[in-house]
PDB file of all heavy atoms in Angstrom:
ATOM      1  N   ALA A   1     122.619 179.045  75.795  1.00  0.00           N
ATOM      2  CA  ALA A   1     121.927 180.327  76.305  1.00  0.00           C
ATOM      3  C   ALA A   1     120.711 180.049  77.146  1.00  0.00           C
ATOM      4  O   ALA A   1     120.404 180.883  77.883  1.00  0.00           O
ATOM      5  CB  ALA A   1     121.651 181.124  75.157  1.00  0.00           C
ATOM      6  N   ASN A   2     120.294 178.872  77.059  1.00  0.00           N
ATOM      7  CA  ASN A   2     119.046 178.401  77.984  1.00  0.00           C
ATOM      8  C   ASN A   2     119.536 177.437  78.962  1.00  0.00           C
ATOM      9  O   ASN A   2     118.594 176.810  79.546  1.00  0.00           O
ATOM     10  CB  ASN A   2     117.912 177.837  77.088  1.00  0.00           C
ATOM     11  CG  ASN A   2     116.504 177.923  77.700  1.00  0.00           C
ATOM     12  OD1 ASN A   2     116.340 178.850  78.592  1.00  0.00           O
ATOM     13  ND2 ASN A   2     115.701 177.070  77.443  1.00  0.00           N
ATOM     14  N   ILE A   3     120.748 177.420  79.317  1.00  0.00           N
ATOM     15  CA  ILE A   3     121.276 176.603  80.396  1.00  0.00           C
ATOM     16  C   ILE A   3     121.963 177.461  81.393  1.00  0.00           C
ATOM     17  O   ILE A   3     121.716 177.457  82.538  1.00  0.00           O
ATOM     18  CB  ILE A   3     122.119 175.505  79.836  1.00  0.00           C
ATOM     19  CG1 ILE A   3     121.404 174.509  78.927  1.00  0.00           C
ATOM     20  CG2 ILE A   3     122.761 174.676  81.018  1.00  0.00           C
ATOM     21  CD1 ILE A   3     122.197 173.497  78.230  1.00  0.00           C
ATOM     22  N   ILE A   4     123.035 178.182  80.795  1.00  0.00           N
ATOM     23  CA  ILE A   4     123.936 178.879  81.632  1.00  0.00           C
ATOM     24  C   ILE A   4     123.390 179.954  82.519  1.00  0.00           C
ATOM     25  O   ILE A   4     123.654 180.042  83.802  1.00  0.00           O
ATOM     26  CB  ILE A   4     125.074 179.525  80.885  1.00  0.00           C
ATOM     27  CG1 ILE A   4     125.841 178.347  80.133  1.00  0.00           C
ATOM     28  CG2 ILE A   4     126.129 180.280  81.728  1.00  0.00           C
ATOM     29  CD1 ILE A   4     126.826 178.738  79.059  1.00  0.00           C
ATOM     30  N   PRO A   5     122.412 180.735  82.072  1.00  0.00           N
ATOM     31  CA  PRO A   5     121.855 181.817  82.989  1.00  0.00           C
ATOM     32  C   PRO A   5     121.122 181.129  84.203  1.00  0.00           C
ATOM     33  O   PRO A   5     121.158 181.673  85.303  1.00  0.00           O
ATOM     34  CB  PRO A   5     120.769 182.472  82.062  1.00  0.00           C
ATOM     35  CG  PRO A   5     121.365 182.373  80.718  1.00  0.00           C
ATOM     36  CD  PRO A   5     121.933 181.026  80.608  1.00  0.00           C
ATOM     37  N   TRP A   6     120.362 179.966  83.936  1.00  0.00           N
ATOM     38  CA  TRP A   6     119.809 179.343  85.015  1.00  0.00           C
ATOM     39  C   TRP A   6     120.808 178.699  86.061  1.00  0.00           C
ATOM     40  O   TRP A   6     120.628 178.702  87.214  1.00  0.00           O
ATOM     41  CB  TRP A   6     118.884 178.266  84.443  1.00  0.00           C
ATOM     42  CG  TRP A   6     117.992 178.762  83.486  1.00  0.00           C
ATOM     43  CD1 TRP A   6     117.992 178.470  82.112  1.00  0.00           C
ATOM     44  CD2 TRP A   6     116.965 179.790  83.558  1.00  0.00           C
ATOM     45  NE1 TRP A   6     117.014 179.172  81.377  1.00  0.00           N
ATOM     46  CE2 TRP A   6     116.349 180.033  82.291  1.00  0.00           C
ATOM     47  CE3 TRP A   6     116.450 180.554  84.661  1.00  0.00           C
ATOM     48  CZ2 TRP A   6     115.281 180.949  82.034  1.00  0.00           C
ATOM     49  CZ3 TRP A   6     115.489 181.501  84.449  1.00  0.00           C
ATOM     50  CH2 TRP A   6     114.971 181.653  83.184  1.00  0.00           C
ATOM     51  N   GLN A   7     121.787 178.212  85.383  1.00  0.00           N
ATOM     52  CA  GLN A   7     122.975 177.574  86.280  1.00  0.00           C
ATOM     53  C   GLN A   7     123.583 178.659  87.242  1.00  0.00           C
ATOM     54  O   GLN A   7     123.869 178.430  88.332  1.00  0.00           O
ATOM     55  CB  GLN A   7     124.064 177.043  85.410  1.00  0.00           C
ATOM     56  CG  GLN A   7     123.774 175.626  84.865  1.00  0.00           C
ATOM     57  CD  GLN A   7     124.911 174.964  84.055  1.00  0.00           C
ATOM     58  OE1 GLN A   7     125.779 175.719  83.560  1.00  0.00           O
ATOM     59  NE2 GLN A   7     124.959 173.592  84.059  1.00  0.00           N
ATOM     60  N   LEU A   8     123.910 179.773  86.629  1.00  0.00           N
ATOM     61  CA  LEU A   8     124.466 180.889  87.358  1.00  0.00           C
ATOM     62  C   LEU A   8     123.678 181.229  88.590  1.00  0.00           C
ATOM     63  O   LEU A   8     124.024 181.377  89.718  1.00  0.00           O
ATOM     64  CB  LEU A   8     124.741 182.111  86.524  1.00  0.00           C
ATOM     65  CG  LEU A   8     125.841 182.019  85.462  1.00  0.00           C
ATOM     66  CD1 LEU A   8     125.822 183.208  84.584  1.00  0.00           C
ATOM     67  CD2 LEU A   8     127.240 181.890  86.100  1.00  0.00           C
ATOM     68  N   LEU A   9     122.367 181.457  88.312  1.00  0.00           N
ATOM     69  CA  LEU A   9     121.418 181.798  89.393  1.00  0.00           C
ATOM     70  C   LEU A   9     121.265 180.704  90.369  1.00  0.00           C
ATOM     71  O   LEU A   9     121.317 180.977  91.541  1.00  0.00           O
ATOM     72  CB  LEU A   9     120.074 182.091  88.739  1.00  0.00           C
ATOM     73  CG  LEU A   9     118.932 182.447  89.684  1.00  0.00           C
ATOM     74  CD1 LEU A   9     119.264 183.626  90.603  1.00  0.00           C
ATOM     75  CD2 LEU A   9     117.605 182.685  88.896  1.00  0.00           C
ATOM     76  N   ALA A  10     121.096 179.434  89.910  1.00  0.00           N
ATOM     77  CA  ALA A  10     120.934 178.327  90.810  1.00  0.00           C
ATOM     78  C   ALA A  10     122.182 178.229  91.791  1.00  0.00           C
ATOM     79  O   ALA A  10     122.047 177.864  92.939  1.00  0.00           O
ATOM     80  CB  ALA A  10     120.818 177.012  90.041  1.00  0.00           C
ATOM     81  N   ASN A  11     123.340 178.311  91.142  1.00  0.00           N
ATOM     82  CA  ASN A  11     124.572 178.255  91.988  1.00  0.00           C
ATOM     83  C   ASN A  11     124.703 179.272  93.032  1.00  0.00           C
ATOM     84  O   ASN A  11     125.180 179.001  94.163  1.00  0.00           O
ATOM     85  CB  ASN A  11     125.848 178.294  91.086  1.00  0.00           C
ATOM     86  CG  ASN A  11     125.983 177.100  90.180  1.00  0.00           C
ATOM     87  OD1 ASN A  11     125.455 175.975  90.498  1.00  0.00           O
ATOM     88  ND2 ASN A  11     126.816 177.257  89.138  1.00  0.00           N
ATOM     89  N   GLU A  12     124.227 180.488  92.822  1.00  0.00           N
ATOM     90  CA  GLU A  12     124.226 181.556  93.709  1.00  0.00           C
ATOM     91  C   GLU A  12     123.271 181.388  94.923  1.00  0.00           C
ATOM     92  O   GLU A  12     123.681 181.730  96.091  1.00  0.00           O
ATOM     93  CB  GLU A  12     123.907 182.931  92.998  1.00  0.00           C
ATOM     94  CG  GLU A  12     124.961 183.401  92.044  1.00  0.00           C
ATOM     95  CD  GLU A  12     124.446 184.666  91.304  1.00  0.00           C
ATOM     96  OE1 GLU A  12     123.506 185.188  91.726  1.00  0.00           O
ATOM     97  OE2 GLU A  12     125.119 185.028  90.299  1.00  0.00           O
ATOM     98  N   VAL A  13     122.158 180.752  94.650  1.00  0.00           N
ATOM     99  CA  VAL A  13     121.201 180.592  95.758  1.00  0.00           C
ATOM    100  C   VAL A  13     121.142 179.162  96.330  1.00  0.00           C
ATOM    101  O   VAL A  13     120.348 178.881  97.282  1.00  0.00           O
ATOM    102  CB  VAL A  13     119.778 181.056  95.287  1.00  0.00           C
ATOM    103  CG1 VAL A  13     119.783 182.461  94.786  1.00  0.00           C
ATOM    104  CG2 VAL A  13     119.306 180.103  94.259  1.00  0.00           C
ATOM    105  N   GLY A  14     121.904 178.285  95.723  1.00  0.00           N
ATOM    106  CA  GLY A  14     121.802 176.825  96.310  1.00  0.00           C
ATOM    107  C   GLY A  14     120.655 176.077  95.765  1.00  0.00           C
ATOM    108  O   GLY A  14     120.202 175.029  96.239  1.00  0.00           O
ATOM    109  N   ALA A  15     120.149 176.591  94.542  1.00  0.00           N
ATOM    110  CA  ALA A  15     119.103 175.748  93.835  1.00  0.00           C
ATOM    111  C   ALA A  15     119.784 174.741  92.869  1.00  0.00           C
ATOM    112  O   ALA A  15     121.013 174.631  92.706  1.00  0.00           O
ATOM    113  CB  ALA A  15     118.165 176.560  93.081  1.00  0.00           C
ATOM    114  N   LYS A  16     118.921 174.006  92.125  1.00  0.00           N
ATOM    115  CA  LYS A  16     119.390 172.932  91.176  1.00  0.00           C
ATOM    116  C   LYS A  16     118.802 173.086  89.848  1.00  0.00           C
ATOM    117  O   LYS A  16     117.561 173.198  89.812  1.00  0.00           O
ATOM    118  CB  LYS A  16     119.188 171.587  91.889  1.00  0.00           C
ATOM    119  CG  LYS A  16     119.669 170.421  91.047  1.00  0.00           C
ATOM    120  CD  LYS A  16     119.309 169.127  91.825  1.00  0.00           C
ATOM    121  CE  LYS A  16     119.817 167.928  91.033  1.00  0.00           C
ATOM    122  NZ  LYS A  16     119.435 166.577  91.777  1.00  0.00           N
ATOM    123  N   VAL A  17     119.636 172.786  88.878  1.00  0.00           N
ATOM    124  CA  VAL A  17     118.963 172.786  87.492  1.00  0.00           C
ATOM    125  C   VAL A  17     118.847 171.242  87.096  1.00  0.00           C
ATOM    126  O   VAL A  17     119.852 170.527  87.333  1.00  0.00           O
ATOM    127  CB  VAL A  17     119.995 173.323  86.388  1.00  0.00           C
ATOM    128  CG1 VAL A  17     119.586 173.064  85.023  1.00  0.00           C
ATOM    129  CG2 VAL A  17     120.037 174.923  86.661  1.00  0.00           C
ATOM    130  N   VAL A  18     117.813 170.749  86.645  1.00  0.00           N
ATOM    131  CA  VAL A  18     117.471 169.476  86.319  1.00  0.00           C
ATOM    132  C   VAL A  18     117.075 169.393  84.847  1.00  0.00           C
ATOM    133  O   VAL A  18     116.481 170.393  84.384  1.00  0.00           O
ATOM    134  CB  VAL A  18     116.473 168.710  87.113  1.00  0.00           C
ATOM    135  CG1 VAL A  18     116.940 168.552  88.582  1.00  0.00           C
ATOM    136  CG2 VAL A  18     115.154 169.463  87.179  1.00  0.00           C
ATOM    137  N   ALA A  19     117.395 168.355  84.130  1.00  0.00           N
ATOM    138  CA  ALA A  19     117.173 168.279  82.669  1.00  0.00           C
ATOM    139  C   ALA A  19     116.314 167.059  82.416  1.00  0.00           C
ATOM    140  O   ALA A  19     116.752 165.935  82.657  1.00  0.00           O
ATOM    141  CB  ALA A  19     118.443 168.267  81.896  1.00  0.00           C
ATOM    142  N   ALA A  20     115.246 167.286  81.621  1.00  0.00           N
ATOM    143  CA  ALA A  20     114.517 166.114  81.128  1.00  0.00           C
ATOM    144  C   ALA A  20     115.280 165.549  79.943  1.00  0.00           C
ATOM    145  O   ALA A  20     115.738 166.133  79.174  1.00  0.00           O
ATOM    146  CB  ALA A  20     113.105 166.629  80.574  1.00  0.00           C
ATOM    147  N   PRO A  21     115.289 164.149  79.848  1.00  0.00           N
ATOM    148  CA  PRO A  21     116.024 163.326  78.984  1.00  0.00           C
ATOM    149  C   PRO A  21     115.420 163.473  77.506  1.00  0.00           C
ATOM    150  O   PRO A  21     114.207 163.787  77.343  1.00  0.00           O
ATOM    151  CB  PRO A  21     116.001 161.889  79.480  1.00  0.00           C
ATOM    152  CG  PRO A  21     114.729 161.869  80.219  1.00  0.00           C
ATOM    153  CD  PRO A  21     114.513 163.234  80.808  1.00  0.00           C
ATOM    154  N   VAL A  22     116.282 163.257  76.492  1.00  0.00           N
ATOM    155  CA  VAL A  22     115.774 163.248  75.157  1.00  0.00           C
ATOM    156  C   VAL A  22     115.979 161.734  74.617  1.00  0.00           C
ATOM    157  O   VAL A  22     116.889 161.058  75.025  1.00  0.00           O
ATOM    158  CB  VAL A  22     116.802 164.103  74.282  1.00  0.00           C
ATOM    159  CG1 VAL A  22     116.653 163.872  72.824  1.00  0.00           C
ATOM    160  CG2 VAL A  22     116.646 165.530  74.644  1.00  0.00           C
ATOM    161  N   THR A  23     114.950 161.299  73.858  1.00  0.00           N
ATOM    162  CA  THR A  23     114.943 159.886  73.421  1.00  0.00           C
ATOM    163  C   THR A  23     115.933 159.705  72.343  1.00  0.00           C
ATOM    164  O   THR A  23     116.524 160.622  71.756  1.00  0.00           O
ATOM    165  CB  THR A  23     113.500 159.488  72.895  1.00  0.00           C
ATOM    166  OG1 THR A  23     113.275 160.329  71.668  1.00  0.00           O
ATOM    167  CG2 THR A  23     112.392 159.843  73.978  1.00  0.00           C
ATOM    168  N   ASP A  24     116.143 158.485  71.857  1.00  0.00           N
ATOM    169  CA  ASP A  24     117.096 158.092  70.706  1.00  0.00           C
ATOM    170  C   ASP A  24     116.523 158.768  69.546  1.00  0.00           C
ATOM    171  O   ASP A  24     117.366 159.144  68.571  1.00  0.00           O
ATOM    172  CB  ASP A  24     117.130 156.646  70.579  1.00  0.00           C
ATOM    173  CG  ASP A  24     117.955 155.946  71.708  1.00  0.00           C
ATOM    174  OD1 ASP A  24     118.585 156.684  72.393  1.00  0.00           O
ATOM    175  OD2 ASP A  24     117.770 154.697  71.784  1.00  0.00           O
ATOM    176  N   GLU A  25     115.240 159.040  69.406  1.00  0.00           N
ATOM    177  CA  GLU A  25     114.736 159.700  68.193  1.00  0.00           C
ATOM    178  C   GLU A  25     114.893 161.126  68.120  1.00  0.00           C
ATOM    179  O   GLU A  25     114.613 161.834  67.063  1.00  0.00           O
ATOM    180  CB  GLU A  25     113.236 159.374  68.023  1.00  0.00           C
ATOM    181  CG  GLU A  25     112.902 157.883  67.810  1.00  0.00           C
ATOM    182  CD  GLU A  25     113.046 157.020  68.929  1.00  0.00           C
ATOM    183  OE1 GLU A  25     112.908 157.587  70.015  1.00  0.00           O
ATOM    184  OE2 GLU A  25     113.431 155.767  68.867  1.00  0.00           O
TER     185      GLU A  25
END
């Protein structure tokens, strides 16, 4: 729910969703 709304919007305007990584912990 905190990914798809931003993807839909980004795809419509040509923007990009980037994700900060998670550590092994």
